[in-house]
All heavy atoms as atom14 arrays in JSON, in Angstrom:
{
  "sequence": "SFLIVGVYVDDLIISGPCVGDIVQFKLEMKKKFSMSDLGLLSYYL",
  "atom14_mask": [
    [1, 1, 1, 1, 1, 1, 0, 0, 0, 0, 0, 0, 0, 0],
    [1, 1, 1, 1, 1, 1, 1, 1, 1, 1, 1, 0, 0, 0],
    [1, 1, 1, 1, 1, 1, 1, 1, 0, 0, 0, 0, 0, 0],
    [1, 1, 1, 1, 1, 1, 1, 1, 0, 0, 0, 0, 0, 0],
    [1, 1, 1, 1, 1, 1, 1, 0, 0, 0, 0, 0, 0, 0],
    [1, 1, 1, 1, 0, 0, 0, 0, 0, 0, 0, 0, 0, 0],
    [1, 1, 1, 1, 1, 1, 1, 0, 0, 0, 0, 0, 0, 0],
    [1, 1, 1, 1, 1, 1, 1, 1, 1, 1, 1, 1, 0, 0],
    [1, 1, 1, 1, 1, 1, 1, 0, 0, 0, 0, 0, 0, 0],
    [1, 1, 1, 1, 1, 1, 1, 1, 0, 0, 0, 0, 0, 0],
    [1, 1, 1, 1, 1, 1, 1, 1, 0, 0, 0, 0, 0, 0],
    [1, 1, 1, 1, 1, 1, 1, 1, 0, 0, 0, 0, 0, 0],
    [1, 1, 1, 1, 1, 1, 1, 1, 0, 0, 0, 0, 0, 0],
    [1, 1, 1, 1, 1, 1, 1, 1, 0, 0, 0, 0, 0, 0],
    [1, 1, 1, 1, 1, 1, 0, 0, 0, 0, 0, 0, 0, 0],
    [1, 1, 1, 1, 0, 0, 0, 0, 0, 0, 0, 0, 0, 0],
    [1, 1, 1, 1, 1, 1, 1, 0, 0, 0, 0, 0, 0, 0],
    [1, 1, 1, 1, 1, 1, 0, 0, 0, 0, 0, 0, 0, 0],
    [1, 1, 1, 1, 1, 1, 1, 0, 0, 0, 0, 0, 0, 0],
    [1, 1, 1, 1, 0, 0, 0, 0, 0, 0, 0, 0, 0, 0],
    [1, 1, 1, 1, 1, 1, 1, 1, 0, 0, 0, 0, 0, 0],
    [1, 1, 1, 1, 1, 1, 1, 1, 0, 0, 0, 0, 0, 0],
    [1, 1, 1, 1, 1, 1, 1, 0, 0, 0, 0, 0, 0, 0],
    [1, 1, 1, 1, 1, 1, 1, 1, 1, 0, 0, 0, 0, 0],
    [1, 1, 1, 1, 1, 1, 1, 1, 1, 1, 1, 0, 0, 0],
    [1, 1, 1, 1, 1, 1, 1, 1, 1, 0, 0, 0, 0, 0],
    [1, 1, 1, 1, 1, 1, 1, 1, 0, 0, 0, 0, 0, 0],
    [1, 1, 1, 1, 1, 1, 1, 1, 1, 0, 0, 0, 0, 0],
    [1, 1, 1, 1, 1, 1, 1, 1, 0, 0, 0, 0, 0, 0],
    [1, 1, 1, 1, 1, 1, 1, 1, 1, 0, 0, 0, 0, 0],
    [1, 1, 1, 1, 1, 1, 1, 1, 1, 0, 0, 0, 0, 0],
    [1, 1, 1, 1, 1, 1, 1, 1, 1, 0, 0, 0, 0, 0],
    [1, 1, 1, 1, 1, 1, 1, 1, 1, 1, 1, 0, 0, 0],
    [1, 1, 1, 1, 1, 1, 0, 0, 0, 0, 0, 0, 0, 0],
    [1, 1, 1, 1, 1, 1, 1, 1, 0, 0, 0, 0, 0, 0],
    [1, 1, 1, 1, 1, 1, 0, 0, 0, 0, 0, 0, 0, 0],
    [1, 1, 1, 1, 1, 1, 1, 1, 0, 0, 0, 0, 0, 0],
    [1, 1, 1, 1, 1, 1, 1, 1, 0, 0, 0, 0, 0, 0],
    [1, 1, 1, 1, 0, 0, 0, 0, 0, 0, 0, 0, 0, 0],
    [1, 1, 1, 1, 1, 1, 1, 1, 0, 0, 0, 0, 0, 0],
    [1, 1, 1, 1, 1, 1, 1, 1, 0, 0, 0, 0, 0, 0],
    [1, 1, 1, 1, 1, 1, 0, 0, 0, 0, 0, 0, 0, 0],
    [1, 1, 1, 1, 1, 1, 1, 1, 1, 1, 1, 1, 0, 0],
    [1, 1, 1, 1, 1, 1, 1, 1, 1, 1, 1, 1, 0, 0],
    [1, 1, 1, 1, 1, 1, 1, 1, 0, 0, 0, 0, 0, 0]
  ],
  "atom14_positions": [
    [[-24.81, 47.33, 8.21], [-23.43, 47.43, 8.66], [-23.42, 48.11, 10.03], [-23.83, 49.27, 10.15], [-22.61, 48.25, 7.66], [-21.3, 48.42, 8.14], [0.0, 0.0, 0.0], [0.0, 0.0, 0.0], [0.0, 0.0, 0.0], [0.0, 0.0, 0.0], [0.0, 0.0, 0.0], [0.0, 0.0, 0.0], [0.0, 0.0, 0.0], [0.0, 0.0, 0.0]],
    [[-22.98, 47.39, 11.04], [-23.04, 47.96, 12.39], [-21.87, 47.47, 13.23], [-21.23, 46.47, 12.92], [-24.36, 47.59, 13.07], [-24.49, 46.11, 13.32], [-24.08, 45.55, 14.52], [-25.02, 45.27, 12.35], [-24.18, 44.19, 14.74], [-25.14, 43.91, 12.57], [-24.71, 43.37, 13.77], [0.0, 0.0, 0.0], [0.0, 0.0, 0.0], [0.0, 0.0, 0.0]],
    [[-21.61, 48.21, 14.3], [-20.63, 47.82, 15.31], [-21.31, 47.89, 16.66], [-22.17, 48.73, 16.89], [-19.44, 48.78, 15.32], [-18.56, 48.83, 14.09], [-17.51, 49.91, 14.27], [-17.91, 47.48, 13.85], [0.0, 0.0, 0.0], [0.0, 0.0, 0.0], [0.0, 0.0, 0.0], [0.0, 0.0, 0.0], [0.0, 0.0, 0.0], [0.0, 0.0, 0.0]],
    [[-20.91, 47.01, 17.55], [-21.32, 47.06, 18.95], [-20.06, 47.4, 19.73], [-19.02, 46.73, 19.58], [-21.9, 45.72, 19.44], [-23.1, 45.3, 18.58], [-22.26, 45.79, 20.92], [-24.3, 46.2, 18.68], [0.0, 0.0, 0.0], [0.0, 0.0, 0.0], [0.0, 0.0, 0.0], [0.0, 0.0, 0.0], [0.0, 0.0, 0.0], [0.0, 0.0, 0.0]],
    [[-20.12, 48.44, 20.57], [-18.97, 48.88, 21.35], [-19.34, 48.81, 22.83], [-20.3, 49.45, 23.26], [-18.54, 50.3, 20.96], [-17.35, 50.75, 21.79], [-18.24, 50.4, 19.48], [0.0, 0.0, 0.0], [0.0, 0.0, 0.0], [0.0, 0.0, 0.0], [0.0, 0.0, 0.0], [0.0, 0.0, 0.0], [0.0, 0.0, 0.0], [0.0, 0.0, 0.0]],
    [[-18.57, 48.02, 23.57], [-18.73, 47.94, 25.02], [-17.64, 48.77, 25.68], [-16.48, 48.7, 25.29], [0.0, 0.0, 0.0], [0.0, 0.0, 0.0], [0.0, 0.0, 0.0], [0.0, 0.0, 0.0], [0.0, 0.0, 0.0], [0.0, 0.0, 0.0], [0.0, 0.0, 0.0], [0.0, 0.0, 0.0], [0.0, 0.0, 0.0], [0.0, 0.0, 0.0]],
    [[-18.02, 49.57, 26.67], [-17.08, 50.45, 27.35], [-17.02, 50.07, 28.82], [-18.06, 49.91, 29.47], [-17.52, 51.92, 27.22], [-16.55, 52.85, 27.93], [-17.69, 52.32, 25.77], [0.0, 0.0, 0.0], [0.0, 0.0, 0.0], [0.0, 0.0, 0.0], [0.0, 0.0, 0.0], [0.0, 0.0, 0.0], [0.0, 0.0, 0.0], [0.0, 0.0, 0.0]],
    [[-15.8, 49.9, 29.34], [-15.61, 49.67, 30.77], [-14.39, 50.45, 31.21], [-13.27, 50.17, 30.79], [-15.42, 48.18, 31.08], [-15.25, 47.92, 32.56], [-16.36, 47.98, 33.4], [-14.02, 47.66, 33.1], [-16.22, 47.76, 34.76], [-13.87, 47.44, 34.45], [-14.98, 47.49, 35.29], [-14.84, 47.29, 36.63], [0.0, 0.0, 0.0], [0.0, 0.0, 0.0]],
    [[-14.61, 51.5, 32.0], [-13.59, 52.43, 32.47], [-12.82, 52.98, 31.26], [-13.34, 53.82, 30.55], [-12.66, 51.8, 33.53], [-11.7, 52.84, 34.1], [-13.46, 51.17, 34.66], [0.0, 0.0, 0.0], [0.0, 0.0, 0.0], [0.0, 0.0, 0.0], [0.0, 0.0, 0.0], [0.0, 0.0, 0.0], [0.0, 0.0, 0.0], [0.0, 0.0, 0.0]],
    [[-11.6, 52.5, 31.01], [-10.84, 53.0, 29.86], [-10.59, 51.92, 28.81], [-9.69, 52.03, 27.99], [-9.52, 53.62, 30.31], [-8.61, 52.63, 31.01], [-9.07, 51.5, 31.3], [-7.46, 52.97, 31.3], [0.0, 0.0, 0.0], [0.0, 0.0, 0.0], [0.0, 0.0, 0.0], [0.0, 0.0, 0.0], [0.0, 0.0, 0.0], [0.0, 0.0, 0.0]],
    [[-11.41, 50.88, 28.82], [-11.29, 49.79, 27.84], [-12.49, 49.78, 26.91], [-13.61, 50.09, 27.33], [-11.21, 48.43, 28.54], [-9.92, 48.23, 29.29], [-8.89, 48.77, 28.85], [-9.93, 47.54, 30.32], [0.0, 0.0, 0.0], [0.0, 0.0, 0.0], [0.0, 0.0, 0.0], [0.0, 0.0, 0.0], [0.0, 0.0, 0.0], [0.0, 0.0, 0.0]],
    [[-12.25, 49.39, 25.67], [-13.32, 49.23, 24.69], [-13.28, 47.81, 24.14], [-12.2, 47.28, 23.89], [-13.14, 50.18, 23.49], [-13.18, 51.67, 23.72], [-12.9, 52.4, 22.4], [-14.52, 52.09, 24.27], [0.0, 0.0, 0.0], [0.0, 0.0, 0.0], [0.0, 0.0, 0.0], [0.0, 0.0, 0.0], [0.0, 0.0, 0.0], [0.0, 0.0, 0.0]],
    [[-14.44, 47.24, 23.94], [-14.58, 46.0, 23.18], [-15.39, 46.36, 21.96], [-16.5, 46.89, 22.08], [-15.29, 44.9, 23.99], [-14.48, 44.5, 25.2], [-15.55, 43.69, 23.1], [-15.17, 43.48, 26.07], [0.0, 0.0, 0.0], [0.0, 0.0, 0.0], [0.0, 0.0, 0.0], [0.0, 0.0, 0.0], [0.0, 0.0, 0.0], [0.0, 0.0, 0.0]],
    [[-14.85, 46.09, 20.78], [-15.51, 46.44, 19.53], [-15.82, 45.15, 18.79], [-14.94, 44.32, 18.58], [-14.59, 47.32, 18.66], [-14.1, 48.52, 19.46], [-15.33, 47.76, 17.39], [-12.89, 49.19, 18.87], [0.0, 0.0, 0.0], [0.0, 0.0, 0.0], [0.0, 0.0, 0.0], [0.0, 0.0, 0.0], [0.0, 0.0, 0.0], [0.0, 0.0, 0.0]],
    [[-17.07, 45.0, 18.39], [-17.49, 43.79, 17.69], [-18.41, 44.15, 16.54], [-19.16, 45.13, 16.62], [-18.23, 42.87, 18.67], [-18.62, 41.69, 18.03], [0.0, 0.0, 0.0], [0.0, 0.0, 0.0], [0.0, 0.0, 0.0], [0.0, 0.0, 0.0], [0.0, 0.0, 0.0], [0.0, 0.0, 0.0], [0.0, 0.0, 0.0], [0.0, 0.0, 0.0]],
    [[-18.33, 43.36, 15.49], [-19.21, 43.58, 14.34], [-18.9, 42.56, 13.26], [-17.89, 41.87, 13.31], [0.0, 0.0, 0.0], [0.0, 0.0, 0.0], [0.0, 0.0, 0.0], [0.0, 0.0, 0.0], [0.0, 0.0, 0.0], [0.0, 0.0, 0.0], [0.0, 0.0, 0.0], [0.0, 0.0, 0.0], [0.0, 0.0, 0.0], [0.0, 0.0, 0.0]],
    [[-19.77, 42.46, 12.27], [-19.6, 41.44, 11.22], [-18.54, 41.79, 10.18], [-18.1, 40.91, 9.45], [-20.98, 41.37, 10.58], [-21.59, 42.71, 10.82], [-21.04, 43.17, 12.15], [0.0, 0.0, 0.0], [0.0, 0.0, 0.0], [0.0, 0.0, 0.0], [0.0, 0.0, 0.0], [0.0, 0.0, 0.0], [0.0, 0.0, 0.0], [0.0, 0.0, 0.0]],
    [[-18.09, 43.05, 10.11], [-17.15, 43.46, 9.07], [-15.85, 43.96, 9.7], [-15.84, 44.99, 10.38], [-17.78, 44.55, 8.21], [-16.67, 45.15, 6.92], [0.0, 0.0, 0.0], [0.0, 0.0, 0.0], [0.0, 0.0, 0.0], [0.0, 0.0, 0.0], [0.0, 0.0, 0.0], [0.0, 0.0, 0.0], [0.0, 0.0, 0.0], [0.0, 0.0, 0.0]],
    [[-14.77, 43.24, 9.46], [-13.46, 43.62, 10.02], [-13.06, 45.01, 9.55], [-12.49, 45.79, 10.31], [-12.39, 42.57, 9.65], [-11.01, 43.02, 10.09], [-12.72, 41.22, 10.26], [0.0, 0.0, 0.0], [0.0, 0.0, 0.0], [0.0, 0.0, 0.0], [0.0, 0.0, 0.0], [0.0, 0.0, 0.0], [0.0, 0.0, 0.0], [0.0, 0.0, 0.0]],
    [[-13.36, 45.34, 8.31], [-13.03, 46.66, 7.78], [-13.67, 47.78, 8.57], [-13.05, 48.83, 8.8], [0.0, 0.0, 0.0], [0.0, 0.0, 0.0], [0.0, 0.0, 0.0], [0.0, 0.0, 0.0], [0.0, 0.0, 0.0], [0.0, 0.0, 0.0], [0.0, 0.0, 0.0], [0.0, 0.0, 0.0], [0.0, 0.0, 0.0], [0.0, 0.0, 0.0]],
    [[-14.92, 47.6, 8.99], [-15.61, 48.61, 9.8], [-14.93, 48.76, 11.17], [-14.82, 49.86, 11.7], [-17.08, 48.24, 10.01], [-17.9, 48.37, 8.74], [-17.42, 49.0, 7.77], [-19.02, 47.83, 8.71], [0.0, 0.0, 0.0], [0.0, 0.0, 0.0], [0.0, 0.0, 0.0], [0.0, 0.0, 0.0], [0.0, 0.0, 0.0], [0.0, 0.0, 0.0]],
    [[-14.47, 47.65, 11.74], [-13.79, 47.69, 13.03], [-12.47, 48.45, 12.88], [-12.15, 49.32, 13.7], [-13.55, 46.27, 13.57], [-14.89, 45.61, 13.89], [-12.65, 46.3, 14.8], [-14.81, 44.13, 14.23], [0.0, 0.0, 0.0], [0.0, 0.0, 0.0], [0.0, 0.0, 0.0], [0.0, 0.0, 0.0], [0.0, 0.0, 0.0], [0.0, 0.0, 0.0]],
    [[-11.71, 48.16, 11.83], [-10.44, 48.83, 11.59], [-10.67, 50.33, 11.42], [-9.95, 51.16, 12.0], [-9.73, 48.23, 10.35], [-8.54, 49.08, 9.93], [-9.3, 46.8, 10.64], [0.0, 0.0, 0.0], [0.0, 0.0, 0.0], [0.0, 0.0, 0.0], [0.0, 0.0, 0.0], [0.0, 0.0, 0.0], [0.0, 0.0, 0.0], [0.0, 0.0, 0.0]],
    [[-11.67, 50.71, 10.64], [-11.98, 52.12, 10.41], [-12.36, 52.82, 11.71], [-11.9, 53.93, 11.99], [-13.11, 52.27, 9.38], [-13.5, 53.7, 9.09], [-12.36, 54.52, 8.51], [-11.58, 54.01, 7.7], [-12.26, 55.77, 8.9], [0.0, 0.0, 0.0], [0.0, 0.0, 0.0], [0.0, 0.0, 0.0], [0.0, 0.0, 0.0], [0.0, 0.0, 0.0]],
    [[-13.17, 52.17, 12.53], [-13.58, 52.75, 13.81], [-12.36, 52.97, 14.71], [-12.21, 54.03, 15.33], [-14.59, 51.83, 14.51], [-15.02, 52.33, 15.85], [-15.93, 53.36, 15.97], [-14.53, 51.76, 17.01], [-16.33, 53.83, 17.21], [-14.91, 52.21, 18.27], [-15.82, 53.25, 18.36], [0.0, 0.0, 0.0], [0.0, 0.0, 0.0], [0.0, 0.0, 0.0]],
    [[-11.44, 51.99, 14.76], [-10.25, 52.14, 15.59], [-9.38, 53.3, 15.09], [-8.83, 54.05, 15.91], [-9.46, 50.83, 15.63], [-10.15, 49.76, 16.44], [-9.23, 48.6, 16.76], [-9.15, 47.59, 15.68], [-8.39, 46.38, 16.07], [0.0, 0.0, 0.0], [0.0, 0.0, 0.0], [0.0, 0.0, 0.0], [0.0, 0.0, 0.0], [0.0, 0.0, 0.0]],
    [[-9.26, 53.46, 13.78], [-8.49, 54.59, 13.24], [-9.11, 55.92, 13.65], [-8.4, 56.87, 14.01], [-8.39, 54.49, 11.72], [-7.51, 53.38, 11.17], [-7.66, 53.27, 9.65], [-6.05, 53.61, 11.54], [0.0, 0.0, 0.0], [0.0, 0.0, 0.0], [0.0, 0.0, 0.0], [0.0, 0.0, 0.0], [0.0, 0.0, 0.0], [0.0, 0.0, 0.0]],
    [[-10.43, 56.02, 13.59], [-11.13, 57.24, 14.0], [-10.9, 57.53, 15.48], [-10.66, 58.68, 15.87], [-12.63, 57.13, 13.72], [-12.97, 57.13, 12.25], [-14.45, 56.88, 12.02], [-15.28, 57.23, 12.89], [-14.78, 56.32, 10.95], [0.0, 0.0, 0.0], [0.0, 0.0, 0.0], [0.0, 0.0, 0.0], [0.0, 0.0, 0.0], [0.0, 0.0, 0.0]],
    [[-10.96, 56.5, 16.3], [-10.76, 56.68, 17.75], [-9.32, 57.11, 18.05], [-9.09, 57.94, 18.92], [-11.1, 55.39, 18.5], [-12.56, 55.0, 18.42], [-13.67, 56.24, 19.11], [-13.32, 56.05, 20.84], [0.0, 0.0, 0.0], [0.0, 0.0, 0.0], [0.0, 0.0, 0.0], [0.0, 0.0, 0.0], [0.0, 0.0, 0.0], [0.0, 0.0, 0.0]],
    [[-8.34, 56.55, 17.34], [-6.93, 56.9, 17.56], [-6.65, 58.35, 17.19], [-5.74, 58.95, 17.74], [-6.02, 55.97, 16.77], [-5.91, 54.59, 17.38], [-4.97, 53.71, 16.58], [-4.87, 52.34, 17.2], [-3.93, 51.47, 16.47], [0.0, 0.0, 0.0], [0.0, 0.0, 0.0], [0.0, 0.0, 0.0], [0.0, 0.0, 0.0], [0.0, 0.0, 0.0]],
    [[-7.42, 58.91, 16.25], [-7.25, 60.32, 15.89], [-7.73, 61.24, 17.02], [-7.22, 62.34, 17.18], [-8.01, 60.64, 14.61], [-7.38, 60.08, 13.36], [-8.18, 60.46, 12.14], [-7.58, 59.85, 10.89], [-8.41, 60.12, 9.7], [0.0, 0.0, 0.0], [0.0, 0.0, 0.0], [0.0, 0.0, 0.0], [0.0, 0.0, 0.0], [0.0, 0.0, 0.0]],
    [[-8.72, 60.78, 17.78], [-9.32, 61.63, 18.82], [-8.74, 61.37, 20.21], [-8.77, 62.25, 21.06], [-10.83, 61.41, 18.86], [-11.53, 61.87, 17.62], [-13.01, 61.72, 17.73], [-13.66, 62.2, 16.45], [-15.04, 62.52, 16.6], [0.0, 0.0, 0.0], [0.0, 0.0, 0.0], [0.0, 0.0, 0.0], [0.0, 0.0, 0.0], [0.0, 0.0, 0.0]],
    [[-8.27, 60.16, 20.45], [-7.81, 59.78, 21.78], [-6.45, 59.08, 21.7], [-6.15, 58.43, 20.72], [-8.81, 58.81, 22.44], [-10.2, 59.35, 22.52], [-11.16, 58.96, 21.6], [-10.56, 60.25, 23.51], [-12.46, 59.45, 21.67], [-11.86, 60.75, 23.58], [-12.8, 60.35, 22.66], [0.0, 0.0, 0.0], [0.0, 0.0, 0.0], [0.0, 0.0, 0.0]],
    [[-5.69, 59.2, 22.77], [-4.46, 58.44, 22.89], [-4.84, 57.03, 23.3], [-5.41, 56.83, 24.39], [-3.55, 59.08, 23.94], [-2.43, 58.28, 24.16], [0.0, 0.0, 0.0], [0.0, 0.0, 0.0], [0.0, 0.0, 0.0], [0.0, 0.0, 0.0], [0.0, 0.0, 0.0], [0.0, 0.0, 0.0], [0.0, 0.0, 0.0], [0.0, 0.0, 0.0]],
    [[-4.59, 56.06, 22.44], [-5.01, 54.7, 22.76], [-4.08, 53.69, 22.11], [-3.36, 54.0, 21.17], [-6.45, 54.45, 22.32], [-6.72, 54.56, 20.85], [-8.42, 54.2, 20.41], [-8.3, 52.48, 19.98], [0.0, 0.0, 0.0], [0.0, 0.0, 0.0], [0.0, 0.0, 0.0], [0.0, 0.0, 0.0], [0.0, 0.0, 0.0], [0.0, 0.0, 0.0]],
    [[-4.11, 52.49, 22.64], [-3.34, 51.4, 22.06], [-4.31, 50.28, 21.69], [-5.35, 50.12, 22.3], [-2.28, 50.89, 23.03], [-2.87, 50.49, 24.25], [0.0, 0.0, 0.0], [0.0, 0.0, 0.0], [0.0, 0.0, 0.0], [0.0, 0.0, 0.0], [0.0, 0.0, 0.0], [0.0, 0.0, 0.0], [0.0, 0.0, 0.0], [0.0, 0.0, 0.0]],
    [[-3.94, 49.53, 20.67], [-4.76, 48.41, 20.2], [-4.11, 47.12, 20.69], [-3.0, 46.79, 20.3], [-4.82, 48.44, 18.68], [-5.71, 47.38, 18.09], [-6.19, 46.5, 18.84], [-5.93, 47.42, 16.87], [0.0, 0.0, 0.0], [0.0, 0.0, 0.0], [0.0, 0.0, 0.0], [0.0, 0.0, 0.0], [0.0, 0.0, 0.0], [0.0, 0.0, 0.0]],
    [[-4.81, 46.4, 21.55], [-4.27, 45.16, 22.11], [-4.65, 43.94, 21.29], [-4.37, 42.81, 21.69], [-4.75, 45.0, 23.55], [-4.35, 46.13, 24.5], [-4.92, 45.89, 25.89], [-2.84, 46.27, 24.56], [0.0, 0.0, 0.0], [0.0, 0.0, 0.0], [0.0, 0.0, 0.0], [0.0, 0.0, 0.0], [0.0, 0.0, 0.0], [0.0, 0.0, 0.0]],
    [[-5.29, 44.14, 20.14], [-5.64, 43.02, 19.26], [-6.9, 42.3, 19.71], [-7.76, 42.87, 20.38], [0.0, 0.0, 0.0], [0.0, 0.0, 0.0], [0.0, 0.0, 0.0], [0.0, 0.0, 0.0], [0.0, 0.0, 0.0], [0.0, 0.0, 0.0], [0.0, 0.0, 0.0], [0.0, 0.0, 0.0], [0.0, 0.0, 0.0], [0.0, 0.0, 0.0]],
    [[-6.98, 41.03, 19.34], [-8.16, 40.25, 19.7], [-8.31, 40.14, 21.21], [-7.33, 40.02, 21.94], [-8.06, 38.84, 19.11], [-8.25, 38.7, 17.61], [-8.03, 37.25, 17.18], [-9.63, 39.16, 17.2], [0.0, 0.0, 0.0], [0.0, 0.0, 0.0], [0.0, 0.0, 0.0], [0.0, 0.0, 0.0], [0.0, 0.0, 0.0], [0.0, 0.0, 0.0]],
    [[-9.53, 40.18, 21.65], [-9.84, 40.07, 23.08], [-9.38, 38.72, 23.61], [-9.69, 37.67, 23.03], [-11.36, 40.22, 23.27], [-11.87, 40.18, 24.69], [-11.36, 41.39, 25.46], [-13.38, 40.16, 24.69], [0.0, 0.0, 0.0], [0.0, 0.0, 0.0], [0.0, 0.0, 0.0], [0.0, 0.0, 0.0], [0.0, 0.0, 0.0], [0.0, 0.0, 0.0]],
    [[-8.63, 38.74, 24.7], [-8.18, 37.48, 25.3], [-8.53, 37.39, 26.78], [-8.65, 36.29, 27.31], [-6.67, 37.31, 25.12], [-5.97, 38.37, 25.74], [0.0, 0.0, 0.0], [0.0, 0.0, 0.0], [0.0, 0.0, 0.0], [0.0, 0.0, 0.0], [0.0, 0.0, 0.0], [0.0, 0.0, 0.0], [0.0, 0.0, 0.0], [0.0, 0.0, 0.0]],
    [[-8.74, 38.53, 27.43], [-9.06, 38.55, 28.85], [-9.84, 39.82, 29.15], [-9.41, 40.9, 28.77], [-7.77, 38.5, 29.67], [-7.95, 38.08, 31.09], [-8.05, 36.74, 31.44], [-8.02, 39.02, 32.11], [-8.21, 36.35, 32.75], [-8.19, 38.65, 33.43], [-8.28, 37.32, 33.75], [-8.45, 36.94, 35.05], [0.0, 0.0, 0.0], [0.0, 0.0, 0.0]],
    [[-10.98, 39.71, 29.83], [-11.79, 40.89, 30.12], [-12.63, 40.65, 31.35], [-13.36, 39.65, 31.43], [-12.68, 41.21, 28.91], [-13.34, 42.55, 29.0], [-12.61, 43.73, 28.82], [-14.68, 42.67, 29.27], [-13.21, 44.96, 28.89], [-15.3, 43.9, 29.35], [-14.56, 45.05, 29.16], [-15.15, 46.28, 29.24], [0.0, 0.0, 0.0], [0.0, 0.0, 0.0]],
    [[-12.51, 41.54, 32.33], [-13.3, 41.49, 33.56], [-13.22, 40.12, 34.24], [-14.21, 39.58, 34.71], [-14.77, 41.85, 33.28], [-15.02, 43.25, 32.74], [-16.49, 43.44, 32.45], [-14.53, 44.3, 33.71], [0.0, 0.0, 0.0], [0.0, 0.0, 0.0], [0.0, 0.0, 0.0], [0.0, 0.0, 0.0], [0.0, 0.0, 0.0], [0.0, 0.0, 0.0]]
  ]
}
């Protein structure tokens, strides 16, 4: 069970085989940082 997280300035791309792990990771990040979830990636760099 793993996640790959790409960071560019103040953006994150989170990828992994288990949606539940991605959801859990986003909840953990929201507790530590002020952030918004833009949903599925549609445009990047």
